Amino acid sequence: MHIFALVGPDSIWEAATGLPKGTTAEHPNAILLISVPKSDIEPLQPSDITEDEVRQMVDNGEEVLFIKANAPYGYGVVTVEGGKLAFYTWEEALDREGAVP
């Protein structure tokens, strides 16, 4: 499993600079990290990943997970809906599948 900083509009990281947009308290629902099952990058090497790269992994059927910056229980699965990334906590994902009453 590989952990990356997601850069882009849903992220706490600025795409142009790779720096945080602010603190996790200021952006609690921004995506902090993405976990992917495999990558050409060494597992412990710091790196980032773009939304296009994440979208391609999801489209290829790989399970991609996320962690939000400072939200309680802010972790779950990444999907693609209408060509855009969508982030669902585990509870939201189960609700969408009808597994939780």
Protein backbone atom coordinates (compact mmCIF):
# COMPACT_ATOMS: atom_id res chain seq x y z
CA MET A 1 0.00 0.00 0.00
CA HIS A 2 1.30 3.47 -0.90
CA ILE A 3 0.35 6.79 0.70
CA PHE A 4 0.34 10.01 -1.33
CA ALA A 5 -0.67 13.63 -0.85
CA LEU A 6 -3.55 14.31 -3.25
CA VAL A 7 -3.06 17.63 -5.00
CA GLY A 8 -6.06 19.43 -6.46
CA PRO A 9 -9.24 21.31 -5.61
CA ASP A 10 -10.62 18.75 -3.09
CA SER A 11 -7.29 18.53 -1.32
CA ILE A 12 -5.60 20.50 1.44
CA TRP A 13 -2.51 20.66 -0.82
CA GLU A 14 -2.07 23.32 -3.51
CA ALA A 15 -1.42 21.71 -6.88
CA ALA A 16 0.95 24.46 -8.06
CA THR A 17 3.18 24.57 -4.97
CA GLY A 18 2.58 21.30 -3.11
CA LEU A 19 2.14 23.36 0.04
CA PRO A 20 -0.90 23.27 2.37
CA LYS A 21 -3.72 25.74 1.69
CA GLY A 22 -3.95 26.26 5.45
CA THR A 23 -4.25 24.21 8.61
CA THR A 24 -6.24 21.02 8.99
CA ALA A 25 -8.52 22.93 11.39
CA GLU A 26 -9.25 25.49 8.67
CA HIS A 27 -9.96 22.77 6.07
CA PRO A 28 -11.24 19.76 8.04
CA ASN A 29 -13.04 18.19 5.07
CA ALA A 30 -10.25 18.65 2.55
CA ILE A 31 -8.53 15.45 1.47
CA LEU A 32 -5.19 15.01 3.22
CA LEU A 33 -3.91 11.66 1.96
CA ILE A 34 -4.72 8.98 -0.62
CA SER A 35 -3.82 5.32 -0.24
CA VAL A 36 -3.36 3.23 -3.37
CA PRO A 37 -2.60 -0.49 -3.62
CA LYS A 38 0.42 -0.19 -5.91
CA SER A 39 2.71 2.36 -7.46
CA ASP A 40 6.06 2.67 -9.21
CA ILE A 41 7.18 4.94 -6.38
CA GLU A 42 8.98 3.42 -3.40
CA PRO A 43 6.51 3.04 -0.48
CA LEU A 44 8.38 5.35 1.91
CA GLN A 45 9.36 7.99 -0.65
CA PRO A 46 7.37 11.23 -0.16
CA SER A 47 5.28 11.99 -3.20
CA ASP A 48 1.99 13.36 -4.41
CA ILE A 49 -0.65 12.14 -6.81
CA THR A 50 -2.99 14.04 -9.12
CA GLU A 51 -6.72 13.63 -9.47
CA ASP A 52 -6.19 12.30 -13.01
CA GLU A 53 -3.89 9.56 -11.67
CA VAL A 54 -6.38 8.63 -8.95
CA ARG A 55 -9.24 8.62 -11.48
CA GLN A 56 -7.28 6.24 -13.72
CA MET A 57 -6.63 3.85 -10.81
CA VAL A 58 -10.31 3.82 -9.83
CA ASP A 59 -11.34 3.33 -13.48
CA ASN A 60 -8.94 0.36 -13.60
CA GLY A 61 -10.82 -1.24 -10.69
CA GLU A 62 -8.23 -0.56 -7.98
CA GLU A 63 -9.43 0.25 -4.47
CA VAL A 64 -8.29 3.76 -3.56
CA LEU A 65 -8.81 5.07 -0.03
CA PHE A 66 -8.70 8.60 1.42
CA ILE A 67 -8.16 10.36 4.74
CA LYS A 68 -9.66 13.81 5.35
CA ALA A 69 -7.59 16.50 7.01
CA ASN A 70 -9.30 16.84 10.39
CA ALA A 71 -12.78 15.35 10.18
CA PRO A 72 -13.86 12.75 12.73
CA TYR A 73 -14.22 9.40 10.95
CA GLY A 74 -13.07 11.17 7.78
CA TYR A 75 -11.79 8.21 5.85
CA GLY A 76 -13.24 5.94 3.21
CA VAL A 77 -13.29 5.00 -0.44
CA VAL A 78 -12.72 7.05 -3.59
CA THR A 79 -15.08 6.58 -6.54
CA VAL A 80 -15.56 8.33 -9.88
CA GLU A 81 -18.95 9.85 -10.62
CA GLY A 82 -19.64 11.91 -13.70
CA GLY A 83 -15.92 11.97 -14.47
CA LYS A 84 -15.07 13.56 -11.11
CA LEU A 85 -13.64 12.04 -7.95
CA ALA A 86 -16.13 11.39 -5.17
CA PHE A 87 -15.13 10.67 -1.58
CA TYR A 88 -17.41 8.51 0.61
CA THR A 89 -16.73 7.57 4.20
CA TRP A 90 -17.16 3.88 4.95
CA GLU A 91 -20.59 4.56 6.46
CA GLU A 92 -21.70 6.60 3.43
CA ALA A 93 -20.41 3.90 1.07
CA LEU A 94 -22.36 1.20 2.94
CA ASP A 95 -25.50 3.39 2.94
CA ARG A 96 -25.16 3.84 -0.83
CA GLU A 97 -24.94 0.06 -1.30
CA GLY A 98 -28.00 -0.49 0.88
CA ALA A 99 -26.05 -2.47 3.47
CA VAL A 100 -26.98 -0.19 6.37
CA PRO A 101 -30.67 0.29 7.28
